[in-house]
Amino acid sequence: MKDTSIHSLFKTENLYFHYFVMLPLFFFGICVCSFPCPLEI
């Protein structure tokens, strides 16, 4: 029973970690796509 509770806790923490990492990367990707890089000019 302890193993399943740890697994469910890990799944919820992994879900929060997934949103915590993907949201900044998502906005960073929008900024990179919308603004041209000065080094390329």
PDB file of N, CA and C in Angstrom:
ATOM      1  N   MET A   1       0.837  -1.204   0.000  1.00  0.00           N
ATOM      2  CA  MET A   1       0.000   0.000   0.000  1.00  0.00           C
ATOM      3  C   MET A   1       0.881   1.267   0.000  1.00  0.00           C
ATOM      4  N   LYS A   2       2.015   1.184   0.697  1.00  0.00           N
ATOM      5  CA  LYS A   2       2.905   2.337   0.761  1.00  0.00           C
ATOM      6  C   LYS A   2       3.521   2.632  -0.610  1.00  0.00           C
ATOM      7  N   ASP A   3       3.787   1.565  -1.373  1.00  0.00           N
ATOM      8  CA  ASP A   3       4.395   1.744  -2.690  1.00  0.00           C
ATOM      9  C   ASP A   3       3.434   2.451  -3.647  1.00  0.00           C
ATOM     10  N   THR A   4       2.148   2.109  -3.580  1.00  0.00           N
ATOM     11  CA  THR A   4       1.170   2.735  -4.467  1.00  0.00           C
ATOM     12  C   THR A   4       0.947   4.197  -4.085  1.00  0.00           C
ATOM     13  N   SER A   5       0.993   4.514  -2.783  1.00  0.00           N
ATOM     14  CA  SER A   5       0.803   5.904  -2.359  1.00  0.00           C
ATOM     15  C   SER A   5       1.983   6.762  -2.812  1.00  0.00           C
ATOM     16  N   ILE A   6       3.190   6.195  -2.746  1.00  0.00           N
ATOM     17  CA  ILE A   6       4.370   6.919  -3.224  1.00  0.00           C
ATOM     18  C   ILE A   6       4.279   7.115  -4.738  1.00  0.00           C
ATOM     19  N   HIS A   7       3.774   6.107  -5.432  1.00  0.00           N
ATOM     20  CA  HIS A   7       3.662   6.203  -6.885  1.00  0.00           C
ATOM     21  C   HIS A   7       2.650   7.280  -7.276  1.00  0.00           C
ATOM     22  N   SER A   8       1.521   7.352  -6.553  1.00  0.00           N
ATOM     23  CA  SER A   8       0.513   8.365  -6.868  1.00  0.00           C
ATOM     24  C   SER A   8       1.030   9.758  -6.519  1.00  0.00           C
ATOM     25  N   LEU A   9       1.796   9.846  -5.440  1.00  0.00           N
ATOM     26  CA  LEU A   9       2.380  11.127  -5.054  1.00  0.00           C
ATOM     27  C   LEU A   9       3.400  11.582  -6.087  1.00  0.00           C
ATOM     28  N   PHE A  10       4.167  10.627  -6.603  1.00  0.00           N
ATOM     29  CA  PHE A  10       5.150  10.938  -7.633  1.00  0.00           C
ATOM     30  C   PHE A  10       4.455  11.382  -8.917  1.00  0.00           C
ATOM     31  N   LYS A  11       3.306  10.784  -9.223  1.00  0.00           N
ATOM     32  CA  LYS A  11       2.576  11.164 -10.437  1.00  0.00           C
ATOM     33  C   LYS A  11       2.054  12.589 -10.322  1.00  0.00           C
ATOM     34  N   THR A  12       1.547  12.972  -9.149  1.00  0.00           N
ATOM     35  CA  THR A  12       1.032  14.330  -8.988  1.00  0.00           C
ATOM     36  C   THR A  12       2.174  15.344  -9.013  1.00  0.00           C
ATOM     37  N   GLU A  13       3.300  15.015  -8.376  1.00  0.00           N
ATOM     38  CA  GLU A  13       4.443  15.925  -8.401  1.00  0.00           C
ATOM     39  C   GLU A  13       5.014  16.029  -9.807  1.00  0.00           C
ATOM     40  N   ASN A  14       5.004  14.909 -10.535  1.00  0.00           N
ATOM     41  CA  ASN A  14       5.503  14.919 -11.902  1.00  0.00           C
ATOM     42  C   ASN A  14       4.597  15.770 -12.788  1.00  0.00           C
ATOM     43  N   LEU A  15       3.279  15.767 -12.509  1.00  0.00           N
ATOM     44  CA  LEU A  15       2.335  16.571 -13.279  1.00  0.00           C
ATOM     45  C   LEU A  15       2.582  18.055 -13.024  1.00  0.00           C
ATOM     46  N   TYR A  16       2.787  18.420 -11.761  1.00  0.00           N
ATOM     47  CA  TYR A  16       3.082  19.815 -11.446  1.00  0.00           C
ATOM     48  C   TYR A  16       4.412  20.243 -12.054  1.00  0.00           C
ATOM     49  N   PHE A  17       5.399  19.342 -12.003  1.00  0.00           N
ATOM     50  CA  PHE A  17       6.709  19.643 -12.581  1.00  0.00           C
ATOM     51  C   PHE A  17       6.600  19.799 -14.091  1.00  0.00           C
ATOM     52  N   HIS A  18       5.713  19.006 -14.716  1.00  0.00           N
ATOM     53  CA  HIS A  18       5.523  19.081 -16.164  1.00  0.00           C
ATOM     54  C   HIS A  18       4.976  20.453 -16.552  1.00  0.00           C
ATOM     55  N   TYR A  19       3.961  20.938 -15.816  1.00  0.00           N
ATOM     56  CA  TYR A  19       3.407  22.256 -16.121  1.00  0.00           C
ATOM     57  C   TYR A  19       4.414  23.360 -15.791  1.00  0.00           C
ATOM     58  N   PHE A  20       5.191  23.171 -14.713  1.00  0.00           N
ATOM     59  CA  PHE A  20       6.150  24.188 -14.287  1.00  0.00           C
ATOM     60  C   PHE A  20       7.262  24.363 -15.313  1.00  0.00           C
ATOM     61  N   VAL A  21       7.609  23.283 -16.006  1.00  0.00           N
ATOM     62  CA  VAL A  21       8.684  23.352 -17.004  1.00  0.00           C
ATOM     63  C   VAL A  21       8.142  23.753 -18.371  1.00  0.00           C
ATOM     64  N   MET A  22       6.982  23.212 -18.754  1.00  0.00           N
ATOM     65  CA  MET A  22       6.476  23.423 -20.111  1.00  0.00           C
ATOM     66  C   MET A  22       5.924  24.827 -20.316  1.00  0.00           C
ATOM     67  N   LEU A  23       5.363  25.446 -19.281  1.00  0.00           N
ATOM     68  CA  LEU A  23       4.809  26.789 -19.447  1.00  0.00           C
ATOM     69  C   LEU A  23       5.877  27.834 -19.791  1.00  0.00           C
ATOM     70  N   PRO A  24       7.004  27.909 -19.049  1.00  0.00           N
ATOM     71  CA  PRO A  24       8.056  28.862 -19.449  1.00  0.00           C
ATOM     72  C   PRO A  24       8.642  28.553 -20.819  1.00  0.00           C
ATOM     73  N   LEU A  25       8.810  27.263 -21.135  1.00  0.00           N
ATOM     74  CA  LEU A  25       9.340  26.895 -22.449  1.00  0.00           C
ATOM     75  C   LEU A  25       8.359  27.287 -23.546  1.00  0.00           C
ATOM     76  N   PHE A  26       7.053  27.187 -23.256  1.00  0.00           N
ATOM     77  CA  PHE A  26       6.030  27.546 -24.236  1.00  0.00           C
ATOM     78  C   PHE A  26       6.075  29.046 -24.532  1.00  0.00           C
ATOM     79  N   PHE A  27       6.148  29.871 -23.482  1.00  0.00           N
ATOM     80  CA  PHE A  27       6.206  31.318 -23.685  1.00  0.00           C
ATOM     81  C   PHE A  27       7.532  31.736 -24.313  1.00  0.00           C
ATOM     82  N   PHE A  28       8.618  31.042 -23.946  1.00  0.00           N
ATOM     83  CA  PHE A  28       9.924  31.341 -24.533  1.00  0.00           C
ATOM     84  C   PHE A  28       9.921  31.014 -26.018  1.00  0.00           C
ATOM     85  N   GLY A  29       9.239  29.935 -26.389  1.00  0.00           N
ATOM     86  CA  GLY A  29       9.131  29.564 -27.799  1.00  0.00           C
ATOM     87  C   GLY A  29       8.334  30.602 -28.586  1.00  0.00           C
ATOM     88  N   ILE A  30       7.296  31.169 -27.968  1.00  0.00           N
ATOM     89  CA  ILE A  30       6.502  32.205 -28.632  1.00  0.00           C
ATOM     90  C   ILE A  30       7.356  33.463 -28.827  1.00  0.00           C
ATOM     91  N   CYS A  31       8.138  33.820 -27.812  1.00  0.00           N
ATOM     92  CA  CYS A  31       8.988  35.011 -27.910  1.00  0.00           C
ATOM     93  C   CYS A  31      10.046  34.830 -28.993  1.00  0.00           C
ATOM     94  N   VAL A  32      10.619  33.640 -29.085  1.00  0.00           N
ATOM     95  CA  VAL A  32      11.653  33.379 -30.090  1.00  0.00           C
ATOM     96  C   VAL A  32      11.051  33.406 -31.491  1.00  0.00           C
ATOM     97  N   CYS A  33       9.832  32.877 -31.629  1.00  0.00           N
ATOM     98  CA  CYS A  33       9.200  32.826 -32.955  1.00  0.00           C
ATOM     99  C   CYS A  33       8.680  34.196 -33.373  1.00  0.00           C
ATOM    100  N   SER A  34       8.254  35.026 -32.415  1.00  0.00           N
ATOM    101  CA  SER A  34       7.657  36.314 -32.760  1.00  0.00           C
ATOM    102  C   SER A  34       8.718  37.404 -32.933  1.00  0.00           C
ATOM    103  N   PHE A  35       9.834  37.293 -32.213  1.00  0.00           N
ATOM    104  CA  PHE A  35      10.885  38.300 -32.326  1.00  0.00           C
ATOM    105  C   PHE A  35      12.108  37.707 -33.014  1.00  0.00           C
ATOM    106  N   PRO A  36      12.631  38.360 -34.050  1.00  0.00           N
ATOM    107  CA  PRO A  36      13.824  37.853 -34.739  1.00  0.00           C
ATOM    108  C   PRO A  36      15.066  37.992 -33.871  1.00  0.00           C
ATOM    109  N   CYS A  37      15.995  37.082 -34.046  1.00  0.00           N
ATOM    110  CA  CYS A  37      17.230  37.121 -33.261  1.00  0.00           C
ATOM    111  C   CYS A  37      18.154  38.205 -33.815  1.00  0.00           C
ATOM    112  N   PRO A  38      18.704  39.086 -32.969  1.00  0.00           N
ATOM    113  CA  PRO A  38      19.599  40.156 -33.448  1.00  0.00           C
ATOM    114  C   PRO A  38      20.863  39.610 -34.101  1.00  0.00           C
ATOM    115  N   LEU A  39      21.289  38.403 -33.715  1.00  0.00           N
ATOM    116  CA  LEU A  39      22.516  37.838 -34.274  1.00  0.00           C
ATOM    117  C   LEU A  39      22.334  37.442 -35.731  1.00  0.00           C
ATOM    118  N   GLU A  40      21.071  37.204 -36.134  1.00  0.00           N
ATOM    119  CA  GLU A  40      20.832  36.784 -37.514  1.00  0.00           C
ATOM    120  C   GLU A  40      20.776  37.965 -38.467  1.00  0.00           C
ATOM    121  N   ILE A  41      20.616  39.167 -37.935  1.00  0.00           N
ATOM    122  CA  ILE A  41      20.500  40.350 -38.789  1.00  0.00           C
ATOM    123  C   ILE A  41      21.888  40.839 -39.198  1.00  0.00           C
TER     124      ILE A  41
END
